[in-house]
Amino acid sequence: MKFTYDFVEINGKVPMIEFLDGLSLKECAKIFAYIDKLVELKNSKIQPKENLSKYLDDGIFELRVNFKNRISRSFYFYESEKQIIFTHGIIKKSQRVPKTEIERAKTIRKTLIRGER
């Protein structure tokens, strides 16, 4: 079985798509290219480098995409052994990830696990 990815849907809303809707077409394309790269590396059993994907806390990871003068962080977790679930994304200018965003990803994951999609 190969790795796949999906976006969380909660109450008819998809936070990751809402995030992507606020970006330019070029930025969206770059994020999808990085998601594809993450899946490709995982399917090849290659651990992604920290400049692409980084473990944050309690099963939450971030996918990092650099743009010209800012950084995109897309948060995800593994629902099953081979399913990557993206919760939401943010744009930031600094290196540090706000704790509130990590907590938001954890809350979204708990909602998904409880079946409140």
PDB file of N, CA and C in Angstrom:
ATOM      1  N   MET A   1       0.837  -1.189   0.000  1.00  0.00           N
ATOM      2  CA  MET A   1       0.000   0.000   0.000  1.00  0.00           C
ATOM      3  C   MET A   1       0.880   1.250   0.000  1.00  0.00           C
ATOM      4  N   LYS A   2       0.519   2.219  -0.812  1.00  0.00           N
ATOM      5  CA  LYS A   2       1.303   3.448  -0.937  1.00  0.00           C
ATOM      6  C   LYS A   2       0.727   4.559  -0.065  1.00  0.00           C
ATOM      7  N   PHE A   3       1.602   5.516   0.258  1.00  0.00           N
ATOM      8  CA  PHE A   3       1.168   6.703   0.981  1.00  0.00           C
ATOM      9  C   PHE A   3       0.242   7.533   0.095  1.00  0.00           C
ATOM     10  N   THR A   4      -0.779   8.097   0.704  1.00  0.00           N
ATOM     11  CA  THR A   4      -1.680   9.028   0.050  1.00  0.00           C
ATOM     12  C   THR A   4      -1.896  10.197   1.004  1.00  0.00           C
ATOM     13  N   TYR A   5      -2.546  11.231   0.514  1.00  0.00           N
ATOM     14  CA  TYR A   5      -2.852  12.358   1.397  1.00  0.00           C
ATOM     15  C   TYR A   5      -4.286  12.807   1.192  1.00  0.00           C
ATOM     16  N   ASP A   6      -4.779  13.526   2.194  1.00  0.00           N
ATOM     17  CA  ASP A   6      -6.125  14.071   2.137  1.00  0.00           C
ATOM     18  C   ASP A   6      -6.155  15.317   3.009  1.00  0.00           C
ATOM     19  N   PHE A   7      -7.223  16.093   2.881  1.00  0.00           N
ATOM     20  CA  PHE A   7      -7.426  17.280   3.696  1.00  0.00           C
ATOM     21  C   PHE A   7      -8.616  17.039   4.622  1.00  0.00           C
ATOM     22  N   VAL A   8      -8.500  17.481   5.864  1.00  0.00           N
ATOM     23  CA  VAL A   8      -9.575  17.344   6.828  1.00  0.00           C
ATOM     24  C   VAL A   8     -10.760  18.216   6.419  1.00  0.00           C
ATOM     25  N   GLU A   9     -11.955  17.667   6.555  1.00  0.00           N
ATOM     26  CA  GLU A   9     -13.182  18.439   6.364  1.00  0.00           C
ATOM     27  C   GLU A   9     -13.941  18.432   7.683  1.00  0.00           C
ATOM     28  N   ILE A  10     -14.277  19.626   8.169  1.00  0.00           N
ATOM     29  CA  ILE A  10     -15.010  19.753   9.427  1.00  0.00           C
ATOM     30  C   ILE A  10     -16.210  20.661   9.188  1.00  0.00           C
ATOM     31  N   ASN A  11     -17.388  20.127   9.461  1.00  0.00           N
ATOM     32  CA  ASN A  11     -18.636  20.891   9.290  1.00  0.00           C
ATOM     33  C   ASN A  11     -18.732  21.521   7.901  1.00  0.00           C
ATOM     34  N   GLY A  12     -18.369  20.767   6.892  1.00  0.00           N
ATOM     35  CA  GLY A  12     -18.470  21.244   5.517  1.00  0.00           C
ATOM     36  C   GLY A  12     -17.361  22.192   5.084  1.00  0.00           C
ATOM     37  N   LYS A  13     -16.409  22.455   5.955  1.00  0.00           N
ATOM     38  CA  LYS A  13     -15.291  23.341   5.627  1.00  0.00           C
ATOM     39  C   LYS A  13     -13.989  22.551   5.605  1.00  0.00           C
ATOM     40  N   VAL A  14     -13.099  22.953   4.708  1.00  0.00           N
ATOM     41  CA  VAL A  14     -11.790  22.310   4.591  1.00  0.00           C
ATOM     42  C   VAL A  14     -10.734  23.391   4.862  1.00  0.00           C
ATOM     43  N   PRO A  15     -10.219  23.452   6.110  1.00  0.00           N
ATOM     44  CA  PRO A  15      -9.285  24.517   6.465  1.00  0.00           C
ATOM     45  C   PRO A  15      -8.065  24.631   5.542  1.00  0.00           C
ATOM     46  N   MET A  16      -7.558  23.524   5.050  1.00  0.00           N
ATOM     47  CA  MET A  16      -6.394  23.573   4.165  1.00  0.00           C
ATOM     48  C   MET A  16      -6.757  24.247   2.836  1.00  0.00           C
ATOM     49  N   ILE A  17      -7.928  23.947   2.301  1.00  0.00           N
ATOM     50  CA  ILE A  17      -8.373  24.579   1.050  1.00  0.00           C
ATOM     51  C   ILE A  17      -8.623  26.068   1.278  1.00  0.00           C
ATOM     52  N   GLU A  18      -9.198  26.417   2.422  1.00  0.00           N
ATOM     53  CA  GLU A  18      -9.406  27.834   2.743  1.00  0.00           C
ATOM     54  C   GLU A  18      -8.071  28.569   2.781  1.00  0.00           C
ATOM     55  N   PHE A  19      -7.045  27.930   3.340  1.00  0.00           N
ATOM     56  CA  PHE A  19      -5.700  28.514   3.364  1.00  0.00           C
ATOM     57  C   PHE A  19      -5.172  28.688   1.939  1.00  0.00           C
ATOM     58  N   LEU A  20      -5.287  27.644   1.131  1.00  0.00           N
ATOM     59  CA  LEU A  20      -4.779  27.687  -0.238  1.00  0.00           C
ATOM     60  C   LEU A  20      -5.507  28.737  -1.083  1.00  0.00           C
ATOM     61  N   ASP A  21      -6.789  28.939  -0.812  1.00  0.00           N
ATOM     62  CA  ASP A  21      -7.567  29.940  -1.556  1.00  0.00           C
ATOM     63  C   ASP A  21      -7.018  31.350  -1.378  1.00  0.00           C
ATOM     64  N   GLY A  22      -6.305  31.597  -0.288  1.00  0.00           N
ATOM     65  CA  GLY A  22      -5.742  32.909  -0.028  1.00  0.00           C
ATOM     66  C   GLY A  22      -4.377  33.133  -0.656  1.00  0.00           C
ATOM     67  N   LEU A  23      -3.874  32.142  -1.365  1.00  0.00           N
ATOM     68  CA  LEU A  23      -2.554  32.226  -1.981  1.00  0.00           C
ATOM     69  C   LEU A  23      -2.666  32.449  -3.482  1.00  0.00           C
ATOM     70  N   SER A  24      -1.559  32.841  -4.092  1.00  0.00           N
ATOM     71  CA  SER A  24      -1.530  32.974  -5.550  1.00  0.00           C
ATOM     72  C   SER A  24      -1.520  31.582  -6.178  1.00  0.00           C
ATOM     73  N   LEU A  25      -1.839  31.529  -7.444  1.00  0.00           N
ATOM     74  CA  LEU A  25      -1.829  30.258  -8.171  1.00  0.00           C
ATOM     75  C   LEU A  25      -0.439  29.626  -8.137  1.00  0.00           C
ATOM     76  N   LYS A  26       0.575  30.449  -8.291  1.00  0.00           N
ATOM     77  CA  LYS A  26       1.964  29.971  -8.272  1.00  0.00           C
ATOM     78  C   LYS A  26       2.327  29.379  -6.903  1.00  0.00           C
ATOM     79  N   GLU A  27       1.889  30.035  -5.833  1.00  0.00           N
ATOM     80  CA  GLU A  27       2.164  29.533  -4.485  1.00  0.00           C
ATOM     81  C   GLU A  27       1.426  28.218  -4.228  1.00  0.00           C
ATOM     82  N   CYS A  28       0.169  28.145  -4.665  1.00  0.00           N
ATOM     83  CA  CYS A  28      -0.606  26.900  -4.516  1.00  0.00           C
ATOM     84  C   CYS A  28       0.074  25.752  -5.247  1.00  0.00           C
ATOM     85  N   ALA A  29       0.511  26.020  -6.459  1.00  0.00           N
ATOM     86  CA  ALA A  29       1.180  24.989  -7.257  1.00  0.00           C
ATOM     87  C   ALA A  29       2.437  24.497  -6.546  1.00  0.00           C
ATOM     88  N   LYS A  30       3.162  25.418  -5.943  1.00  0.00           N
ATOM     89  CA  LYS A  30       4.394  25.039  -5.238  1.00  0.00           C
ATOM     90  C   LYS A  30       4.072  24.174  -4.018  1.00  0.00           C
ATOM     91  N   ILE A  31       3.020  24.518  -3.285  1.00  0.00           N
ATOM     92  CA  ILE A  31       2.631  23.702  -2.130  1.00  0.00           C
ATOM     93  C   ILE A  31       2.221  22.302  -2.577  1.00  0.00           C
ATOM     94  N   PHE A  32       1.415  22.209  -3.630  1.00  0.00           N
ATOM     95  CA  PHE A  32       1.026  20.879  -4.126  1.00  0.00           C
ATOM     96  C   PHE A  32       2.239  20.088  -4.621  1.00  0.00           C
ATOM     97  N   ALA A  33       3.205  20.752  -5.220  1.00  0.00           N
ATOM     98  CA  ALA A  33       4.436  20.075  -5.656  1.00  0.00           C
ATOM     99  C   ALA A  33       5.193  19.524  -4.446  1.00  0.00           C
ATOM    100  N   TYR A  34       5.232  20.284  -3.367  1.00  0.00           N
ATOM    101  CA  TYR A  34       5.909  19.827  -2.151  1.00  0.00           C
ATOM    102  C   TYR A  34       5.143  18.683  -1.490  1.00  0.00           C
ATOM    103  N   ILE A  35       3.814  18.742  -1.520  1.00  0.00           N
ATOM    104  CA  ILE A  35       3.024  17.624  -0.990  1.00  0.00           C
ATOM    105  C   ILE A  35       3.331  16.366  -1.793  1.00  0.00           C
ATOM    106  N   ASP A  36       3.352  16.497  -3.120  1.00  0.00           N
ATOM    107  CA  ASP A  36       3.674  15.349  -3.976  1.00  0.00           C
ATOM    108  C   ASP A  36       5.074  14.820  -3.675  1.00  0.00           C
ATOM    109  N   LYS A  37       6.018  15.725  -3.434  1.00  0.00           N
ATOM    110  CA  LYS A  37       7.392  15.325  -3.111  1.00  0.00           C
ATOM    111  C   LYS A  37       7.423  14.563  -1.789  1.00  0.00           C
ATOM    112  N   LEU A  38       6.680  15.045  -0.794  1.00  0.00           N
ATOM    113  CA  LEU A  38       6.605  14.357   0.499  1.00  0.00           C
ATOM    114  C   LEU A  38       6.076  12.939   0.312  1.00  0.00           C
ATOM    115  N   VAL A  39       4.988  12.796  -0.434  1.00  0.00           N
ATOM    116  CA  VAL A  39       4.391  11.478  -0.675  1.00  0.00           C
ATOM    117  C   VAL A  39       5.377  10.579  -1.431  1.00  0.00           C
ATOM    118  N   GLU A  40       6.042  11.144  -2.429  1.00  0.00           N
ATOM    119  CA  GLU A  40       7.022  10.378  -3.211  1.00  0.00           C
ATOM    120  C   GLU A  40       8.165   9.873  -2.322  1.00  0.00           C
ATOM    121  N   LEU A  41       8.682  10.722  -1.461  1.00  0.00           N
ATOM    122  CA  LEU A  41       9.764  10.322  -0.554  1.00  0.00           C
ATOM    123  C   LEU A  41       9.288   9.233   0.399  1.00  0.00           C
ATOM    124  N   LYS A  42       8.092   9.411   0.973  1.00  0.00           N
ATOM    125  CA  LYS A  42       7.566   8.409   1.906  1.00  0.00           C
ATOM    126  C   LYS A  42       7.349   7.072   1.202  1.00  0.00           C
ATOM    127  N   ASN A  43       6.852   7.104  -0.046  1.00  0.00           N
ATOM    128  CA  ASN A  43       6.651   5.861  -0.795  1.00  0.00           C
ATOM    129  C   ASN A  43       7.965   5.195  -1.177  1.00  0.00           C
ATOM    130  N   SER A  44       9.027   5.985  -1.255  1.00  0.00           N
ATOM    131  CA  SER A  44      10.364   5.445  -1.545  1.00  0.00           C
ATOM    132  C   SER A  44      11.110   5.058  -0.274  1.00  0.00           C
ATOM    133  N   LYS A  45      10.425   5.197   0.862  1.00  0.00           N
ATOM    134  CA  LYS A  45      11.005   4.899   2.177  1.00  0.00           C
ATOM    135  C   LYS A  45      12.218   5.770   2.490  1.00  0.00           C
ATOM    136  N   ILE A  46      12.149   7.025   2.023  1.00  0.00           N
ATOM    137  CA  ILE A  46      13.202   8.001   2.284  1.00  0.00           C
ATOM    138  C   ILE A  46      12.644   9.030   3.266  1.00  0.00           C
ATOM    139  N   GLN A  47      13.374   9.245   4.353  1.00  0.00           N
ATOM    140  CA  GLN A  47      12.945  10.227   5.352  1.00  0.00           C
ATOM    141  C   GLN A  47      13.144  11.639   4.795  1.00  0.00           C
ATOM    142  N   PRO A  48      12.091  12.460   4.746  1.00  0.00           N
ATOM    143  CA  PRO A  48      12.253  13.835   4.246  1.00  0.00           C
ATOM    144  C   PRO A  48      13.187  14.637   5.143  1.00  0.00           C
ATOM    145  N   LYS A  49      13.954  15.529   4.536  1.00  0.00           N
ATOM    146  CA  LYS A  49      14.840  16.383   5.316  1.00  0.00           C
ATOM    147  C   LYS A  49      14.019  17.435   6.040  1.00  0.00           C
ATOM    148  N   GLU A  50      14.608  17.991   7.114  1.00  0.00           N
ATOM    149  CA  GLU A  50      13.895  18.966   7.941  1.00  0.00           C
ATOM    150  C   GLU A  50      13.512  20.230   7.200  1.00  0.00           C
ATOM    151  N   ASN A  51      14.202  20.565   6.133  1.00  0.00           N
ATOM    152  CA  ASN A  51      13.812  21.769   5.394  1.00  0.00           C
ATOM    153  C   ASN A  51      12.534  21.545   4.581  1.00  0.00           C
ATOM    154  N   LEU A  52      12.082  20.290   4.463  1.00  0.00           N
ATOM    155  CA  LEU A  52      10.822  19.966   3.794  1.00  0.00           C
ATOM    156  C   LEU A  52       9.727  19.647   4.811  1.00  0.00           C
ATOM    157  N   SER A  53      10.044  18.770   5.737  1.00  0.00           N
ATOM    158  CA  SER A  53       9.063  18.310   6.712  1.00  0.00           C
ATOM    159  C   SER A  53       9.731  18.171   8.071  1.00  0.00           C
ATOM    160  N   LYS A  54       9.041  18.636   9.101  1.00  0.00           N
ATOM    161  CA  LYS A  54       9.616  18.595  10.440  1.00  0.00           C
ATOM    162  C   LYS A  54       8.565  18.140  11.442  1.00  0.00           C
ATOM    163  N   TYR A  55       8.982  17.255  12.351  1.00  0.00           N
ATOM    164  CA  TYR A  55       8.123  16.836  13.451  1.00  0.00           C
ATOM    165  C   TYR A  55       8.030  17.990  14.439  1.00  0.00           C
ATOM    166  N   LEU A  56       6.797  18.311  14.884  1.00  0.00           N
ATOM    167  CA  LEU A  56       6.610  19.420  15.818  1.00  0.00           C
ATOM    168  C   LEU A  56       6.317  18.937  17.231  1.00  0.00           C
ATOM    169  N   ASP A  57       5.191  18.181  17.384  1.00  0.00           N
ATOM    170  CA  ASP A  57       4.784  17.779  18.732  1.00  0.00           C
ATOM    171  C   ASP A  57       3.618  16.800  18.640  1.00  0.00           C
ATOM    172  N   ASP A  58       3.650  15.771  19.459  1.00  0.00           N
ATOM    173  CA  ASP A  58       2.510  14.872  19.630  1.00  0.00           C
ATOM    174  C   ASP A  58       1.900  14.384  18.310  1.00  0.00           C
ATOM    175  N   GLY A  59       2.762  13.941  17.392  1.00  0.00           N
ATOM    176  CA  GLY A  59       2.289  13.392  16.130  1.00  0.00           C
ATOM    177  C   GLY A  59       1.941  14.419  15.073  1.00  0.00           C
ATOM    178  N   ILE A  60       2.196  15.688  15.331  1.00  0.00           N
ATOM    179  CA  ILE A  60       1.928  16.761  14.366  1.00  0.00           C
ATOM    180  C   ILE A  60       3.230  17.132  13.657  1.00  0.00           C
ATOM    181  N   PHE A  61       3.149  17.247  12.333  1.00  0.00           N
ATOM    182  CA  PHE A  61       4.287  17.605  11.497  1.00  0.00           C
ATOM    183  C   PHE A  61       3.958  18.871  10.724  1.00  0.00           C
ATOM    184  N   GLU A  62       4.981  19.494  10.154  1.00  0.00           N
ATOM    185  CA  GLU A  62       4.766  20.638   9.275  1.00  0.00           C
ATOM    186  C   GLU A  62       5.469  20.384   7.948  1.00  0.00           C
ATOM    187  N   LEU A  63       4.819  20.804   6.882  1.00  0.00           N
ATOM    188  CA  LEU A  63       5.411  20.809   5.549  1.00  0.00           C
ATOM    189  C   LEU A  63       5.821  22.256   5.296  1.00  0.00           C
ATOM    190  N   ARG A  64       7.102  22.472   5.034  1.00  0.00           N
ATOM    191  CA  ARG A  64       7.633  23.819   4.878  1.00  0.00           C
ATOM    192  C   ARG A  64       7.833  24.155   3.413  1.00  0.00           C
ATOM    193  N   VAL A  65       7.294  25.297   3.008  1.00  0.00           N
ATOM    194  CA  VAL A  65       7.473  25.766   1.639  1.00  0.00           C
ATOM    195  C   VAL A  65       7.896  27.225   1.707  1.00  0.00           C
ATOM    196  N   ASN A  66       9.060  27.521   1.157  1.00  0.00           N
ATOM    197  CA  ASN A  66       9.566  28.890   1.144  1.00  0.00           C
ATOM    198  C   ASN A  66       9.136  29.602  -0.125  1.00  0.00           C
ATOM    199  N   PHE A  67       8.624  30.817   0.071  1.00  0.00           N
ATOM    200  CA  PHE A  67       8.320  31.696  -1.039  1.00  0.00           C
ATOM    201  C   PHE A  67       9.331  32.830  -1.022  1.00  0.00           C
ATOM    202  N   LYS A  68       9.148  33.789  -1.868  1.00  0.00           N
ATOM    203  CA  LYS A  68      10.124  34.870  -2.009  1.00  0.00           C
ATOM    204  C   LYS A  68      10.463  35.558  -0.678  1.00  0.00           C
ATOM    205  N   ASN A  69       9.454  36.008   0.057  1.00  0.00           N
ATOM    206  CA  ASN A  69       9.730  36.741   1.292  1.00  0.00           C
ATOM    207  C   ASN A  69       8.918  36.240   2.483  1.00  0.00           C
ATOM    208  N   ARG A  70       8.433  35.004   2.399  1.00  0.00           N
ATOM    209  CA  ARG A  70       7.652  34.430   3.489  1.00  0.00           C
ATOM    210  C   ARG A  70       7.692  32.914   3.409  1.00  0.00           C
ATOM    211  N   ILE A  71       7.176  32.290   4.462  1.00  0.00           N
ATOM    212  CA  ILE A  71       7.240  30.834   4.591  1.00  0.00           C
ATOM    213  C   ILE A  71       5.832  30.287   4.808  1.00  0.00           C
ATOM    214  N   SER A  72       5.506  29.227   4.084  1.00  0.00           N
ATOM    215  CA  SER A  72       4.242  28.525   4.276  1.00  0.00           C
ATOM    216  C   SER A  72       4.499  27.314   5.163  1.00  0.00           C
ATOM    217  N   ARG A  73       3.615  27.119   6.117  1.00  0.00           N
ATOM    218  CA  ARG A  73       3.662  25.923   6.964  1.00  0.00           C
ATOM    219  C   ARG A  73       2.308  25.237   6.869  1.00  0.00           C
ATOM    220  N   SER A  74       2.302  24.010   6.394  1.00  0.00           N
ATOM    221  CA  SER A  74       1.075  23.216   6.306  1.00  0.00           C
ATOM    222  C   SER A  74       1.191  22.098   7.327  1.00  0.00           C
ATOM    223  N   PHE A  75       0.226  21.986   8.202  1.00  0.00           N
ATOM    224  CA  PHE A  75       0.287  21.029   9.304  1.00  0.00           C
ATOM    225  C   PHE A  75      -0.405  19.727   8.916  1.00  0.00           C
ATOM    226  N   TYR A  76       0.200  18.620   9.351  1.00  0.00           N
ATOM    227  CA  TYR A  76      -0.373  17.319   9.018  1.00  0.00           C
ATOM    228  C   TYR A  76      -0.051  16.291  10.084  1.00  0.00           C
ATOM    229  N   PHE A  77      -0.750  15.159   9.998  1.00  0.00           N
ATOM    230  CA  PHE A  77      -0.503  14.008  10.864  1.00  0.00           C
ATOM    231  C   PHE A  77      -0.795  12.758  10.053  1.00  0.00           C
ATOM    232  N   TYR A  78      -0.476  11.612  10.622  1.00  0.00           N
ATOM    233  CA  TYR A  78      -0.746  10.338   9.967  1.00  0.00           C
ATOM    234  C   TYR A  78      -1.989   9.729  10.612  1.00  0.00           C
ATOM    235  N   GLU A  79      -3.034   9.540   9.796  1.00  0.00           N
ATOM    236  CA  GLU A  79      -4.269   8.946  10.307  1.00  0.00           C
ATOM    237  C   GLU A  79      -4.109   7.441  10.464  1.00  0.00           C
ATOM    238  N   SER A  80      -3.499   6.834   9.499  1.00  0.00           N
ATOM    239  CA  SER A  80      -3.159   5.417   9.561  1.00  0.00           C
ATOM    240  C   SER A  80      -1.704   5.332   9.110  1.00  0.00           C
ATOM    241  N   GLU A  81      -1.217   4.171   8.985  1.00  0.00           N
ATOM    242  CA  GLU A  81       0.200   4.015   8.657  1.00  0.00           C
ATOM    243  C   GLU A  81       0.591   4.728   7.359  1.00  0.00           C
ATOM    244  N   LYS A  82      -0.298   4.779   6.378  1.00  0.00           N
ATOM    245  CA  LYS A  82       0.053   5.330   5.067  1.00  0.00           C
ATOM    246  C   LYS A  82      -0.819   6.507   4.627  1.00  0.00           C
ATOM    247  N   GLN A  83      -1.601   7.071   5.531  1.00  0.00           N
ATOM    248  CA  GLN A  83      -2.499   8.170   5.177  1.00  0.00           C
ATOM    249  C   GLN A  83      -2.021   9.465   5.837  1.00  0.00           C
ATOM    250  N   ILE A  84      -1.636  10.447   5.021  1.00  0.00           N
ATOM    251  CA  ILE A  84      -1.199  11.756   5.500  1.00  0.00           C
ATOM    252  C   ILE A  84      -2.409  12.686   5.444  1.00  0.00           C
ATOM    253  N   ILE A  85      -2.744  13.273   6.581  1.00  0.00           N
ATOM    254  CA  ILE A  85      -3.908  14.145   6.669  1.00  0.00           C
ATOM    255  C   ILE A  85      -3.440  15.567   6.968  1.00  0.00           C
ATOM    256  N   PHE A  86      -3.747  16.497   6.060  1.00  0.00           N
ATOM    257  CA  PHE A  86      -3.401  17.903   6.253  1.00  0.00           C
ATOM    258  C   PHE A  86      -4.552  18.598   6.961  1.00  0.00           C
ATOM    259  N   THR A  87      -4.216  19.362   8.000  1.00  0.00           N
ATOM    260  CA  THR A  87      -5.234  20.050   8.790  1.00  0.00           C
ATOM    261  C   THR A  87      -5.463  21.478   8.306  1.00  0.00           C
ATOM    262  N   HIS A  88      -4.394  22.251   8.220  1.00  0.00           N
ATOM    263  CA  HIS A  88      -4.500  23.663   7.844  1.00  0.00           C
ATOM    264  C   HIS A  88      -3.102  24.189   7.533  1.00  0.00           C
ATOM    265  N   GLY A  89      -3.047  25.438   7.107  1.00  0.00           N
ATOM    266  CA  GLY A  89      -1.757  26.050   6.811  1.00  0.00           C
ATOM    267  C   GLY A  89      -1.720  27.491   7.262  1.00  0.00           C
ATOM    268  N   ILE A  90      -0.509  28.012   7.361  1.00  0.00           N
ATOM    269  CA  ILE A  90      -0.310  29.413   7.718  1.00  0.00           C
ATOM    270  C   ILE A  90       0.840  29.973   6.888  1.00  0.00           C
ATOM    271  N   ILE A  91       0.874  31.286   6.781  1.00  0.00           N
ATOM    272  CA  ILE A  91       2.005  31.995   6.185  1.00  0.00           C
ATOM    273  C   ILE A  91       2.673  32.752   7.307  1.00  0.00           C
ATOM    274  N   LYS A  92       3.992  32.682   7.349  1.00  0.00           N
ATOM    275  CA  LYS A  92       4.708  33.402   8.389  1.00  0.00           C
ATOM    276  C   LYS A  92       6.018  33.950   7.855  1.00  0.00           C
ATOM    277  N   LYS A  93       6.553  34.907   8.561  1.00  0.00           N
ATOM    278  CA  LYS A  93       7.819  35.508   8.150  1.00  0.00           C
ATOM    279  C   LYS A  93       8.964  35.076   9.048  1.00  0.00           C
ATOM    280  N   SER A  94       8.670  34.549  10.226  1.00  0.00           N
ATOM    281  CA  SER A  94       9.714  34.129  11.158  1.00  0.00           C
ATOM    282  C   SER A  94       9.875  32.608  11.132  1.00  0.00           C
ATOM    283  N   GLN A  95      10.882  32.118  11.794  1.00  0.00           N
ATOM    284  CA  GLN A  95      11.161  30.681  11.809  1.00  0.00           C
ATOM    285  C   GLN A  95      10.307  29.908  12.815  1.00  0.00           C
ATOM    286  N   ARG A  96       9.951  30.538  13.912  1.00  0.00           N
ATOM    287  CA  ARG A  96       9.251  29.844  14.997  1.00  0.00           C
ATOM    288  C   ARG A  96       7.776  29.629  14.659  1.00  0.00           C
ATOM    289  N   VAL A  97       7.285  28.414  14.929  1.00  0.00           N
ATOM    290  CA  VAL A  97       5.877  28.078  14.698  1.00  0.00           C
ATOM    291  C   VAL A  97       5.089  28.429  15.958  1.00  0.00           C
ATOM    292  N   PRO A  98       4.029  29.226  15.826  1.00  0.00           N
ATOM    293  CA  PRO A  98       3.220  29.555  17.005  1.00  0.00           C
ATOM    294  C   PRO A  98       2.603  28.302  17.626  1.00  0.00           C
ATOM    295  N   LYS A  99       2.692  28.188  18.956  1.00  0.00           N
ATOM    296  CA  LYS A  99       2.122  27.046  19.678  1.00  0.00           C
ATOM    297  C   LYS A  99       0.625  26.915  19.394  1.00  0.00           C
ATOM    298  N   THR A 100      -0.042  28.051  19.198  1.00  0.00           N
ATOM    299  CA  THR A 100      -1.482  28.011  18.950  1.00  0.00           C
ATOM    300  C   THR A 100      -1.810  27.243  17.671  1.00  0.00           C
ATOM    301  N   GLU A 101      -0.928  27.310  16.674  1.00  0.00           N
ATOM    302  CA  GLU A 101      -1.165  26.593  15.414  1.00  0.00           C
ATOM    303  C   GLU A 101      -0.961  25.091  15.595  1.00  0.00           C
ATOM    304  N   ILE A 102       0.013  24.709  16.420  1.00  0.00           N
ATOM    305  CA  ILE A 102       0.224  23.284  16.718  1.00  0.00           C
ATOM    306  C   ILE A 102      -0.994  22.751  17.482  1.00  0.00           C
ATOM    307  N   GLU A 103      -1.472  23.533  18.438  1.00  0.00           N
ATOM    308  CA  GLU A 103      -2.656  23.128  19.204  1.00  0.00           C
ATOM    309  C   GLU A 103      -3.886  23.034  18.302  1.00  0.00           C
ATOM    310  N   ARG A 104      -4.004  23.937  17.351  1.00  0.00           N
ATOM    311  CA  ARG A 104      -5.129  23.879  16.401  1.00  0.00           C
ATOM    312  C   ARG A 104      -5.096  22.576  15.607  1.00  0.00           C
ATOM    313  N   ALA A 105      -3.911  22.181  15.151  1.00  0.00           N
ATOM    314  CA  ALA A 105      -3.775  20.921  14.398  1.00  0.00           C
ATOM    315  C   ALA A 105      -4.157  19.730  15.281  1.00  0.00           C
ATOM    316  N   LYS A 106      -3.756  19.758  16.542  1.00  0.00           N
ATOM    317  CA  LYS A 106      -4.114  18.675  17.469  1.00  0.00           C
ATOM    318  C   LYS A 106      -5.627  18.612  17.673  1.00  0.00           C
ATOM    319  N   THR A 107      -6.252  19.776  17.821  1.00  0.00           N
ATOM    320  CA  THR A 107      -7.701  19.833  18.009  1.00  0.00           C
ATOM    321  C   THR A 107      -8.428  19.289  16.784  1.00  0.00           C
ATOM    322  N   ILE A 108      -7.972  19.666  15.607  1.00  0.00           N
ATOM    323  CA  ILE A 108      -8.579  19.163  14.376  1.00  0.00           C
ATOM    324  C   ILE A 108      -8.429  17.643  14.299  1.00  0.00           C
ATOM    325  N   ARG A 109      -7.245  17.139  14.666  1.00  0.00           N
ATOM    326  CA  ARG A 109      -7.015  15.685  14.652  1.00  0.00           C
ATOM    327  C   ARG A 109      -7.972  14.990  15.619  1.00  0.00           C
ATOM    328  N   LYS A 110      -8.140  15.533  16.825  1.00  0.00           N
ATOM    329  CA  LYS A 110      -9.057  14.934  17.805  1.00  0.00           C
ATOM    330  C   LYS A 110     -10.484  14.915  17.270  1.00  0.00           C
ATOM    331  N   THR A 111     -10.889  15.988  16.603  1.00  0.00           N
ATOM    332  CA  THR A 111     -12.222  16.064  16.021  1.00  0.00           C
ATOM    333  C   THR A 111     -12.405  14.970  14.970  1.00  0.00           C
ATOM    334  N   LEU A 112     -11.384  14.767  14.148  1.00  0.00           N
ATOM    335  CA  LEU A 112     -11.438  13.741  13.107  1.00  0.00           C
ATOM    336  C   LEU A 112     -11.532  12.351  13.730  1.00  0.00           C
ATOM    337  N   ILE A 113     -10.720  12.115  14.737  1.00  0.00           N
ATOM    338  CA  ILE A 113     -10.705  10.791  15.390  1.00  0.00           C
ATOM    339  C   ILE A 113     -12.044  10.483  16.053  1.00  0.00           C
ATOM    340  N   ARG A 114     -12.683  11.511  16.614  1.00  0.00           N
ATOM    341  CA  ARG A 114     -14.000  11.309  17.253  1.00  0.00           C
ATOM    342  C   ARG A 114     -15.101  11.159  16.224  1.00  0.00           C
ATOM    343  N   GLY A 115     -14.768  11.385  14.951  1.00  0.00           N
ATOM    344  CA  GLY A 115     -15.761  11.205  13.904  1.00  0.00           C
ATOM    345  C   GLY A 115     -16.700  12.377  13.717  1.00  0.00           C
ATOM    346  N   GLU A 116     -16.266  13.565  14.100  1.00  0.00           N
ATOM    347  CA  GLU A 116     -17.118  14.749  14.000  1.00  0.00           C
ATOM    348  C   GLU A 116     -16.880  15.504  12.702  1.00  0.00           C
ATOM    349  N   ARG A 117     -16.518  14.835  11.677  1.00  0.00           N
ATOM    350  CA  ARG A 117     -16.234  15.474  10.379  1.00  0.00           C
ATOM    351  C   ARG A 117     -17.398  16.245   9.882  1.00  0.00           C
TER     352      ARG A 117
END
